[in-house]
Amino acid sequence: MLLEHAELCYRANMSVNWMLTHKQPYLDTLTNAIEVPHKAYLDAYLQPFIA
């Protein structure tokens, strides 16, 4: 899944600084995003880490 996300970021000419993220908050956010996809939880979580 991360590989697919990385490819989509590459195609959008952006990157995520994964070194600044933390595993458990990311996994919690990912779980929320899967359960309620239209709420954009993952977008909100990753926004501060986008370069």
Protein backbone atom coordinates (compact mmCIF):
# COMPACT_ATOMS: atom_id res chain seq x y z
CA MET A 1 0.00 0.00 0.00
CA LEU A 2 2.84 2.35 0.81
CA LEU A 3 4.41 1.61 -2.58
CA GLU A 4 1.19 2.60 -4.32
CA HIS A 5 0.99 5.78 -2.27
CA ALA A 6 4.60 6.63 -3.12
CA GLU A 7 3.89 6.17 -6.83
CA LEU A 8 0.83 8.42 -6.66
CA CYS A 9 2.88 11.07 -4.86
CA TYR A 10 5.59 10.80 -7.50
CA ARG A 11 3.03 11.29 -10.26
CA ALA A 12 1.66 14.35 -8.43
CA ASN A 13 5.20 15.78 -8.10
CA MET A 14 5.18 15.73 -4.30
CA SER A 15 6.64 13.64 -1.51
CA VAL A 16 5.88 12.70 2.07
CA ASN A 17 8.64 13.01 4.66
CA TRP A 18 7.95 9.66 6.32
CA MET A 19 10.81 10.16 8.79
CA LEU A 20 8.75 12.81 10.58
CA THR A 21 5.65 10.65 10.89
CA HIS A 22 4.94 8.24 13.72
CA LYS A 23 3.75 4.68 13.23
CA GLN A 24 0.81 4.43 15.62
CA PRO A 25 -0.87 7.75 14.74
CA TYR A 26 -0.45 6.91 11.06
CA LEU A 27 -2.01 3.46 11.51
CA ASP A 28 -4.88 4.91 13.55
CA THR A 29 -5.50 7.51 10.86
CA LEU A 30 -5.28 4.88 8.13
CA THR A 31 -7.86 2.77 9.96
CA ASN A 32 -10.20 5.77 10.18
CA ALA A 33 -9.65 6.53 6.49
CA ILE A 34 -10.54 2.98 5.52
CA GLU A 35 -13.67 2.98 7.67
CA VAL A 36 -14.88 6.43 6.53
CA PRO A 37 -13.10 7.28 3.25
CA HIS A 38 -15.03 10.47 2.46
CA LYS A 39 -13.76 12.23 5.62
CA ALA A 40 -10.16 12.59 4.26
CA TYR A 41 -8.52 11.64 7.56
CA LEU A 42 -5.34 10.53 5.82
CA ASP A 43 -5.08 13.77 3.84
CA ALA A 44 -5.34 15.80 7.03
CA TYR A 45 -2.77 13.68 8.85
CA LEU A 46 -0.21 13.75 6.04
CA GLN A 47 -0.59 17.45 5.15
CA PRO A 48 2.17 18.69 7.53
CA PHE A 49 4.61 16.12 6.11
CA ILE A 50 4.16 16.94 2.40
CA ALA A 51 7.09 18.50 0.59
